[in-house]
Amino acid sequence: AKLTALGDELRFVLLTSGATVADYNDAPADAQQSEVLKGLKVALSKAEGEKCPRCWHYTQDVGKVAEHAEICGRCVSNVAGDGEKRKFA
């Protein structure tokens, strides 16, 4: 429940391109049981998309904004817009 509260910001806490929280019983077959935290399984997969040279996150929207063709949409918002609003991380 505590990880779920972080929502989309969990990826920033874990320093990764993406992260999702699911019910323990819904963990994929390749998920590994944590040796430290009972009731936690972790599954890893390679992020899809291209690596943004500014934030280093892999996303599907790198180059989608012509005025900033090298970076992702989140970085465009931070560089040329109002910036993202984070609550936790």
PDB file of N, CA and C in Angstrom:
ATOM      1  N   ALA A   1       0.821  -1.197   0.000  1.00  0.00           N
ATOM      2  CA  ALA A   1       0.000   0.000   0.000  1.00  0.00           C
ATOM      3  C   ALA A   1       0.863   1.258   0.000  1.00  0.00           C
ATOM      4  N   LYS A   2       1.987   1.224   0.717  1.00  0.00           N
ATOM      5  CA  LYS A   2       2.845   2.407   0.768  1.00  0.00           C
ATOM      6  C   LYS A   2       3.496   2.679  -0.583  1.00  0.00           C
ATOM      7  N   LEU A   3       3.902   1.629  -1.284  1.00  0.00           N
ATOM      8  CA  LEU A   3       4.482   1.818  -2.613  1.00  0.00           C
ATOM      9  C   LEU A   3       3.442   2.327  -3.595  1.00  0.00           C
ATOM     10  N   THR A   4       2.225   1.844  -3.474  1.00  0.00           N
ATOM     11  CA  THR A   4       1.141   2.274  -4.352  1.00  0.00           C
ATOM     12  C   THR A   4       0.881   3.768  -4.198  1.00  0.00           C
ATOM     13  N   ALA A   5       1.041   4.287  -2.998  1.00  0.00           N
ATOM     14  CA  ALA A   5       0.797   5.706  -2.743  1.00  0.00           C
ATOM     15  C   ALA A   5       1.731   6.608  -3.547  1.00  0.00           C
ATOM     16  N   LEU A   6       2.901   6.106  -3.921  1.00  0.00           N
ATOM     17  CA  LEU A   6       3.839   6.899  -4.704  1.00  0.00           C
ATOM     18  C   LEU A   6       3.399   7.063  -6.152  1.00  0.00           C
ATOM     19  N   GLY A   7       2.521   6.194  -6.617  1.00  0.00           N
ATOM     20  CA  GLY A   7       2.011   6.288  -7.986  1.00  0.00           C
ATOM     21  C   GLY A   7       3.122   6.279  -9.014  1.00  0.00           C
ATOM     22  N   ASP A   8       3.027   7.168  -9.996  1.00  0.00           N
ATOM     23  CA  ASP A   8       4.004   7.243 -11.081  1.00  0.00           C
ATOM     24  C   ASP A   8       5.377   7.689 -10.588  1.00  0.00           C
ATOM     25  N   GLU A   9       5.449   8.291  -9.413  1.00  0.00           N
ATOM     26  CA  GLU A   9       6.726   8.769  -8.888  1.00  0.00           C
ATOM     27  C   GLU A   9       7.607   7.649  -8.343  1.00  0.00           C
ATOM     28  N   LEU A  10       7.073   6.444  -8.228  1.00  0.00           N
ATOM     29  CA  LEU A  10       7.878   5.312  -7.768  1.00  0.00           C
ATOM     30  C   LEU A  10       9.102   5.131  -8.654  1.00  0.00           C
ATOM     31  N   ARG A  11       8.984   5.396  -9.935  1.00  0.00           N
ATOM     32  CA  ARG A  11      10.118   5.237 -10.846  1.00  0.00           C
ATOM     33  C   ARG A  11      11.259   6.183 -10.500  1.00  0.00           C
ATOM     34  N   PHE A  12      10.947   7.353  -9.945  1.00  0.00           N
ATOM     35  CA  PHE A  12      12.001   8.279  -9.551  1.00  0.00           C
ATOM     36  C   PHE A  12      12.695   7.804  -8.276  1.00  0.00           C
ATOM     37  N   VAL A  13      11.939   7.251  -7.354  1.00  0.00           N
ATOM     38  CA  VAL A  13      12.506   6.717  -6.114  1.00  0.00           C
ATOM     39  C   VAL A  13      13.442   5.550  -6.425  1.00  0.00           C
ATOM     40  N   LEU A  14      13.046   4.709  -7.377  1.00  0.00           N
ATOM     41  CA  LEU A  14      13.835   3.533  -7.743  1.00  0.00           C
ATOM     42  C   LEU A  14      14.879   3.819  -8.819  1.00  0.00           C
ATOM     43  N   LEU A  15      14.936   5.057  -9.296  1.00  0.00           N
ATOM     44  CA  LEU A  15      15.872   5.454 -10.354  1.00  0.00           C
ATOM     45  C   LEU A  15      15.778   4.535 -11.564  1.00  0.00           C
ATOM     46  N   THR A  16      14.576   4.448 -12.108  1.00  0.00           N
ATOM     47  CA  THR A  16      14.323   3.595 -13.256  1.00  0.00           C
ATOM     48  C   THR A  16      13.359   4.293 -14.210  1.00  0.00           C
ATOM     49  N   SER A  17      13.236   3.770 -15.409  1.00  0.00           N
ATOM     50  CA  SER A  17      12.369   4.399 -16.408  1.00  0.00           C
ATOM     51  C   SER A  17      10.890   4.183 -16.140  1.00  0.00           C
ATOM     52  N   GLY A  18      10.556   3.149 -15.416  1.00  0.00           N
ATOM     53  CA  GLY A  18       9.157   2.868 -15.114  1.00  0.00           C
ATOM     54  C   GLY A  18       9.043   1.875 -13.979  1.00  0.00           C
ATOM     55  N   ALA A  19       7.949   1.953 -13.258  1.00  0.00           N
ATOM     56  CA  ALA A  19       7.699   1.017 -12.160  1.00  0.00           C
ATOM     57  C   ALA A  19       6.200   0.921 -11.932  1.00  0.00           C
ATOM     58  N   THR A  20       5.728  -0.274 -11.678  1.00  0.00           N
ATOM     59  CA  THR A  20       4.319  -0.475 -11.356  1.00  0.00           C
ATOM     60  C   THR A  20       4.211  -1.364 -10.131  1.00  0.00           C
ATOM     61  N   VAL A  21       3.145  -1.184  -9.403  1.00  0.00           N
ATOM     62  CA  VAL A  21       2.862  -2.001  -8.226  1.00  0.00           C
ATOM     63  C   VAL A  21       1.598  -2.795  -8.514  1.00  0.00           C
ATOM     64  N   ALA A  22       1.658  -4.082  -8.236  1.00  0.00           N
ATOM     65  CA  ALA A  22       0.498  -4.949  -8.449  1.00  0.00           C
ATOM     66  C   ALA A  22       0.279  -5.793  -7.200  1.00  0.00           C
ATOM     67  N   ASP A  23      -0.875  -6.379  -7.090  1.00  0.00           N
ATOM     68  CA  ASP A  23      -1.176  -7.281  -5.989  1.00  0.00           C
ATOM     69  C   ASP A  23      -0.194  -8.449  -5.997  1.00  0.00           C
ATOM     70  N   TYR A  24       0.229  -8.872  -4.832  1.00  0.00           N
ATOM     71  CA  TYR A  24       1.198  -9.965  -4.687  1.00  0.00           C
ATOM     72  C   TYR A  24       0.773 -11.195  -5.478  1.00  0.00           C
ATOM     73  N   ASN A  25      -0.489 -11.542  -5.422  1.00  0.00           N
ATOM     74  CA  ASN A  25      -0.987 -12.739  -6.105  1.00  0.00           C
ATOM     75  C   ASN A  25      -1.038 -12.582  -7.621  1.00  0.00           C
ATOM     76  N   ASP A  26      -0.913 -11.362  -8.109  1.00  0.00           N
ATOM     77  CA  ASP A  26      -0.922 -11.108  -9.547  1.00  0.00           C
ATOM     78  C   ASP A  26       0.478 -10.993 -10.134  1.00  0.00           C
ATOM     79  N   ALA A  27       1.494 -11.280  -9.331  1.00  0.00           N
ATOM     80  CA  ALA A  27       2.875 -11.172  -9.807  1.00  0.00           C
ATOM     81  C   ALA A  27       3.103 -12.139 -10.965  1.00  0.00           C
ATOM     82  N   PRO A  28       3.874 -11.716 -11.972  1.00  0.00           N
ATOM     83  CA  PRO A  28       4.150 -12.612 -13.094  1.00  0.00           C
ATOM     84  C   PRO A  28       4.969 -13.822 -12.652  1.00  0.00           C
ATOM     85  N   ALA A  29       4.954 -14.853 -13.456  1.00  0.00           N
ATOM     86  CA  ALA A  29       5.632 -16.104 -13.112  1.00  0.00           C
ATOM     87  C   ALA A  29       7.132 -15.917 -12.911  1.00  0.00           C
ATOM     88  N   ASP A  30       7.728 -14.938 -13.588  1.00  0.00           N
ATOM     89  CA  ASP A  30       9.175 -14.735 -13.469  1.00  0.00           C
ATOM     90  C   ASP A  30       9.558 -13.802 -12.317  1.00  0.00           C
ATOM     91  N   ALA A  31       8.599 -13.357 -11.525  1.00  0.00           N
ATOM     92  CA  ALA A  31       8.888 -12.478 -10.385  1.00  0.00           C
ATOM     93  C   ALA A  31       9.676 -13.240  -9.324  1.00  0.00           C
ATOM     94  N   GLN A  32      10.637 -12.544  -8.731  1.00  0.00           N
ATOM     95  CA  GLN A  32      11.476 -13.138  -7.693  1.00  0.00           C
ATOM     96  C   GLN A  32      11.002 -12.692  -6.311  1.00  0.00           C
ATOM     97  N   GLN A  33      10.941 -13.615  -5.388  1.00  0.00           N
ATOM     98  CA  GLN A  33      10.568 -13.317  -4.006  1.00  0.00           C
ATOM     99  C   GLN A  33      11.700 -12.544  -3.342  1.00  0.00           C
ATOM    100  N   SER A  34      11.384 -11.461  -2.671  1.00  0.00           N
ATOM    101  CA  SER A  34      12.380 -10.694  -1.939  1.00  0.00           C
ATOM    102  C   SER A  34      12.937 -11.535  -0.800  1.00  0.00           C
ATOM    103  N   GLU A  35      14.249 -11.449  -0.603  1.00  0.00           N
ATOM    104  CA  GLU A  35      14.881 -12.145   0.515  1.00  0.00           C
ATOM    105  C   GLU A  35      14.795 -11.315   1.791  1.00  0.00           C
ATOM    106  N   VAL A  36      14.454 -10.053   1.665  1.00  0.00           N
ATOM    107  CA  VAL A  36      14.434  -9.133   2.797  1.00  0.00           C
ATOM    108  C   VAL A  36      13.014  -8.822   3.263  1.00  0.00           C
ATOM    109  N   LEU A  37      12.120  -8.585   2.321  1.00  0.00           N
ATOM    110  CA  LEU A  37      10.757  -8.184   2.657  1.00  0.00           C
ATOM    111  C   LEU A  37       9.765  -9.283   2.325  1.00  0.00           C
ATOM    112  N   LYS A  38       9.169  -9.839   3.357  1.00  0.00           N
ATOM    113  CA  LYS A  38       8.145 -10.860   3.153  1.00  0.00           C
ATOM    114  C   LYS A  38       6.940 -10.215   2.467  1.00  0.00           C
ATOM    115  N   GLY A  39       6.381 -10.907   1.516  1.00  0.00           N
ATOM    116  CA  GLY A  39       5.218 -10.374   0.817  1.00  0.00           C
ATOM    117  C   GLY A  39       5.565  -9.458  -0.341  1.00  0.00           C
ATOM    118  N   LEU A  40       6.835  -9.459  -0.766  1.00  0.00           N
ATOM    119  CA  LEU A  40       7.247  -8.633  -1.898  1.00  0.00           C
ATOM    120  C   LEU A  40       7.901  -9.509  -2.949  1.00  0.00           C
ATOM    121  N   LYS A  41       7.406  -9.385  -4.162  1.00  0.00           N
ATOM    122  CA  LYS A  41       8.029 -10.027  -5.315  1.00  0.00           C
ATOM    123  C   LYS A  41       8.418  -8.921  -6.283  1.00  0.00           C
ATOM    124  N   VAL A  42       9.495  -9.149  -7.022  1.00  0.00           N
ATOM    125  CA  VAL A  42       9.977  -8.158  -7.969  1.00  0.00           C
ATOM    126  C   VAL A  42      10.184  -8.818  -9.321  1.00  0.00           C
ATOM    127  N   ALA A  43       9.686  -8.179 -10.359  1.00  0.00           N
ATOM    128  CA  ALA A  43       9.915  -8.625 -11.729  1.00  0.00           C
ATOM    129  C   ALA A  43      10.536  -7.463 -12.495  1.00  0.00           C
ATOM    130  N   LEU A  44      11.539  -7.750 -13.288  1.00  0.00           N
ATOM    131  CA  LEU A  44      12.222  -6.727 -14.065  1.00  0.00           C
ATOM    132  C   LEU A  44      12.043  -6.997 -15.548  1.00  0.00           C
ATOM    133  N   SER A  45      11.985  -5.929 -16.322  1.00  0.00           N
ATOM    134  CA  SER A  45      11.953  -6.063 -17.773  1.00  0.00           C
ATOM    135  C   SER A  45      12.617  -4.838 -18.385  1.00  0.00           C
ATOM    136  N   LYS A  46      13.124  -5.019 -19.573  1.00  0.00           N
ATOM    137  CA  LYS A  46      13.780  -3.927 -20.276  1.00  0.00           C
ATOM    138  C   LYS A  46      12.732  -2.894 -20.680  1.00  0.00           C
ATOM    139  N   ALA A  47      13.045  -1.636 -20.447  1.00  0.00           N
ATOM    140  CA  ALA A  47      12.129  -0.554 -20.813  1.00  0.00           C
ATOM    141  C   ALA A  47      12.052  -0.431 -22.328  1.00  0.00           C
ATOM    142  N   GLU A  48      10.874  -0.104 -22.816  1.00  0.00           N
ATOM    143  CA  GLU A  48      10.685   0.095 -24.248  1.00  0.00           C
ATOM    144  C   GLU A  48      10.931   1.551 -24.603  1.00  0.00           C
ATOM    145  N   GLY A  49      11.206   1.801 -25.856  1.00  0.00           N
ATOM    146  CA  GLY A  49      11.390   3.160 -26.332  1.00  0.00           C
ATOM    147  C   GLY A  49      12.847   3.523 -26.489  1.00  0.00           C
ATOM    148  N   GLU A  50      13.080   4.824 -26.585  1.00  0.00           N
ATOM    149  CA  GLU A  50      14.424   5.353 -26.763  1.00  0.00           C
ATOM    150  C   GLU A  50      14.880   6.061 -25.491  1.00  0.00           C
ATOM    151  N   LYS A  51      16.186   6.119 -25.305  1.00  0.00           N
ATOM    152  CA  LYS A  51      16.751   6.789 -24.139  1.00  0.00           C
ATOM    153  C   LYS A  51      16.807   8.296 -24.393  1.00  0.00           C
ATOM    154  N   CYS A  52      16.198   9.049 -23.511  1.00  0.00           N
ATOM    155  CA  CYS A  52      16.253  10.509 -23.590  1.00  0.00           C
ATOM    156  C   CYS A  52      17.642  10.947 -23.114  1.00  0.00           C
ATOM    157  N   PRO A  53      18.363  11.725 -23.914  1.00  0.00           N
ATOM    158  CA  PRO A  53      19.705  12.131 -23.509  1.00  0.00           C
ATOM    159  C   PRO A  53      19.727  13.128 -22.347  1.00  0.00           C
ATOM    160  N   ARG A  54      18.592  13.731 -22.041  1.00  0.00           N
ATOM    161  CA  ARG A  54      18.538  14.690 -20.930  1.00  0.00           C
ATOM    162  C   ARG A  54      18.292  14.002 -19.591  1.00  0.00           C
ATOM    163  N   CYS A  55      17.261  13.154 -19.516  1.00  0.00           N
ATOM    164  CA  CYS A  55      16.903  12.526 -18.232  1.00  0.00           C
ATOM    165  C   CYS A  55      17.348  11.064 -18.135  1.00  0.00           C
ATOM    166  N   TRP A  56      17.738  10.496 -19.254  1.00  0.00           N
ATOM    167  CA  TRP A  56      18.205   9.108 -19.353  1.00  0.00           C
ATOM    168  C   TRP A  56      17.098   8.085 -19.167  1.00  0.00           C
ATOM    169  N   HIS A  57      15.851   8.498 -19.131  1.00  0.00           N
ATOM    170  CA  HIS A  57      14.734   7.554 -19.066  1.00  0.00           C
ATOM    171  C   HIS A  57      14.449   7.047 -20.468  1.00  0.00           C
ATOM    172  N   TYR A  58      14.051   5.802 -20.547  1.00  0.00           N
ATOM    173  CA  TYR A  58      13.619   5.229 -21.818  1.00  0.00           C
ATOM    174  C   TYR A  58      12.124   5.475 -21.950  1.00  0.00           C
ATOM    175  N   THR A  59      11.721   6.154 -23.020  1.00  0.00           N
ATOM    176  CA  THR A  59      10.313   6.466 -23.234  1.00  0.00           C
ATOM    177  C   THR A  59       9.960   6.296 -24.707  1.00  0.00           C
ATOM    178  N   GLN A  60       8.673   6.276 -24.965  1.00  0.00           N
ATOM    179  CA  GLN A  60       8.186   6.130 -26.333  1.00  0.00           C
ATOM    180  C   GLN A  60       7.971   7.484 -27.003  1.00  0.00           C
ATOM    181  N   ASP A  61       8.229   8.588 -26.290  1.00  0.00           N
ATOM    182  CA  ASP A  61       7.936   9.896 -26.879  1.00  0.00           C
ATOM    183  C   ASP A  61       9.163  10.765 -27.136  1.00  0.00           C
ATOM    184  N   VAL A  62      10.354  10.165 -27.181  1.00  0.00           N
ATOM    185  CA  VAL A  62      11.547  10.931 -27.537  1.00  0.00           C
ATOM    186  C   VAL A  62      11.390  11.409 -28.979  1.00  0.00           C
ATOM    187  N   GLY A  63      11.585  12.692 -29.191  1.00  0.00           N
ATOM    188  CA  GLY A  63      11.518  13.258 -30.533  1.00  0.00           C
ATOM    189  C   GLY A  63      10.131  13.569 -31.051  1.00  0.00           C
ATOM    190  N   LYS A  64       9.120  13.459 -30.237  1.00  0.00           N
ATOM    191  CA  LYS A  64       7.745  13.705 -30.686  1.00  0.00           C
ATOM    192  C   LYS A  64       7.417  15.192 -30.816  1.00  0.00           C
ATOM    193  N   VAL A  65       8.174  16.047 -30.145  1.00  0.00           N
ATOM    194  CA  VAL A  65       7.956  17.493 -30.227  1.00  0.00           C
ATOM    195  C   VAL A  65       9.042  18.070 -31.130  1.00  0.00           C
ATOM    196  N   ALA A  66       8.648  18.580 -32.287  1.00  0.00           N
ATOM    197  CA  ALA A  66       9.599  19.027 -33.309  1.00  0.00           C
ATOM    198  C   ALA A  66      10.588  20.071 -32.791  1.00  0.00           C
ATOM    199  N   GLU A  67      10.133  20.985 -31.948  1.00  0.00           N
ATOM    200  CA  GLU A  67      11.009  22.044 -31.440  1.00  0.00           C
ATOM    201  C   GLU A  67      12.095  21.506 -30.508  1.00  0.00           C
ATOM    202  N   HIS A  68      11.882  20.326 -29.976  1.00  0.00           N
ATOM    203  CA  HIS A  68      12.847  19.688 -29.070  1.00  0.00           C
ATOM    204  C   HIS A  68      12.970  18.219 -29.463  1.00  0.00           C
ATOM    205  N   ALA A  69      13.422  17.991 -30.676  1.00  0.00           N
ATOM    206  CA  ALA A  69      13.398  16.657 -31.279  1.00  0.00           C
ATOM    207  C   ALA A  69      14.298  15.636 -30.587  1.00  0.00           C
ATOM    208  N   GLU A  70      15.207  16.084 -29.737  1.00  0.00           N
ATOM    209  CA  GLU A  70      16.139  15.144 -29.113  1.00  0.00           C
ATOM    210  C   GLU A  70      15.648  14.586 -27.784  1.00  0.00           C
ATOM    211  N   ILE A  71      14.669  15.234 -27.155  1.00  0.00           N
ATOM    212  CA  ILE A  71      14.304  14.860 -25.784  1.00  0.00           C
ATOM    213  C   ILE A  71      12.867  14.351 -25.675  1.00  0.00           C
ATOM    214  N   CYS A  72      12.553  13.782 -24.519  1.00  0.00           N
ATOM    215  CA  CYS A  72      11.225  13.209 -24.277  1.00  0.00           C
ATOM    216  C   CYS A  72      10.212  14.297 -23.893  1.00  0.00           C
ATOM    217  N   GLY A  73       8.960  13.924 -23.902  1.00  0.00           N
ATOM    218  CA  GLY A  73       7.889  14.859 -23.576  1.00  0.00           C
ATOM    219  C   GLY A  73       7.986  15.424 -22.174  1.00  0.00           C
ATOM    220  N   ARG A  74       8.394  14.608 -21.211  1.00  0.00           N
ATOM    221  CA  ARG A  74       8.538  15.089 -19.834  1.00  0.00           C
ATOM    222  C   ARG A  74       9.614  16.160 -19.758  1.00  0.00           C
ATOM    223  N   CYS A  75      10.720  15.943 -20.463  1.00  0.00           N
ATOM    224  CA  CYS A  75      11.792  16.933 -20.468  1.00  0.00           C
ATOM    225  C   CYS A  75      11.373  18.200 -21.208  1.00  0.00           C
ATOM    226  N   VAL A  76      10.601  18.059 -22.286  1.00  0.00           N
ATOM    227  CA  VAL A  76      10.089  19.239 -22.987  1.00  0.00           C
ATOM    228  C   VAL A  76       9.270  20.081 -22.015  1.00  0.00           C
ATOM    229  N   SER A  77       8.425  19.443 -21.237  1.00  0.00           N
ATOM    230  CA  SER A  77       7.614  20.157 -20.250  1.00  0.00           C
ATOM    231  C   SER A  77       8.489  20.872 -19.229  1.00  0.00           C
ATOM    232  N   ASN A  78       9.572  20.236 -18.822  1.00  0.00           N
ATOM    233  CA  ASN A  78      10.453  20.833 -17.821  1.00  0.00           C
ATOM    234  C   ASN A  78      11.333  21.940 -18.394  1.00  0.00           C
ATOM    235  N   VAL A  79      11.693  21.827 -19.675  1.00  0.00           N
ATOM    236  CA  VAL A  79      12.570  22.810 -20.306  1.00  0.00           C
ATOM    237  C   VAL A  79      11.785  23.995 -20.863  1.00  0.00           C
ATOM    238  N   ALA A  80      10.672  23.713 -21.527  1.00  0.00           N
ATOM    239  CA  ALA A  80       9.955  24.759 -22.252  1.00  0.00           C
ATOM    240  C   ALA A  80       8.559  25.045 -21.710  1.00  0.00           C
ATOM    241  N   GLY A  81       8.147  24.329 -20.699  1.00  0.00           N
ATOM    242  CA  GLY A  81       6.796  24.514 -20.170  1.00  0.00           C
ATOM    243  C   GLY A  81       6.802  24.850 -18.696  1.00  0.00           C
ATOM    244  N   ASP A  82       5.709  24.509 -18.053  1.00  0.00           N
ATOM    245  CA  ASP A  82       5.561  24.783 -16.621  1.00  0.00           C
ATOM    246  C   ASP A  82       6.275  23.763 -15.746  1.00  0.00           C
ATOM    247  N   GLY A  83       6.764  22.699 -16.346  1.00  0.00           N
ATOM    248  CA  GLY A  83       7.448  21.663 -15.578  1.00  0.00           C
ATOM    249  C   GLY A  83       6.482  20.686 -14.960  1.00  0.00           C
ATOM    250  N   GLU A  84       7.004  19.537 -14.601  1.00  0.00           N
ATOM    251  CA  GLU A  84       6.156  18.510 -14.000  1.00  0.00           C
ATOM    252  C   GLU A  84       5.917  18.830 -12.530  1.00  0.00           C
ATOM    253  N   LYS A  85       4.840  18.354 -12.027  1.00  0.00           N
ATOM    254  CA  LYS A  85       4.501  18.538 -10.614  1.00  0.00           C
ATOM    255  C   LYS A  85       4.671  17.196  -9.913  1.00  0.00           C
ATOM    256  N   ARG A  86       5.593  17.149  -8.986  1.00  0.00           N
ATOM    257  CA  ARG A  86       5.814  15.932  -8.208  1.00  0.00           C
ATOM    258  C   ARG A  86       5.363  16.171  -6.778  1.00  0.00           C
ATOM    259  N   LYS A  87       4.902  15.101  -6.164  1.00  0.00           N
ATOM    260  CA  LYS A  87       4.443  15.189  -4.783  1.00  0.00           C
ATOM    261  C   LYS A  87       5.465  14.583  -3.820  1.00  0.00           C
ATOM    262  N   PHE A  88       6.160  13.520  -4.265  1.00  0.00           N
ATOM    263  CA  PHE A  88       7.040  12.779  -3.360  1.00  0.00           C
ATOM    264  C   PHE A  88       8.512  12.848  -3.737  1.00  0.00           C
ATOM    265  N   ALA A  89       8.834  12.581  -4.976  1.00  0.00           N
ATOM    266  CA  ALA A  89      10.248  12.431  -5.352  1.00  0.00           C
ATOM    267  C   ALA A  89      10.622  13.345  -6.494  1.00  0.00           C
TER     268      ALA A  89
END
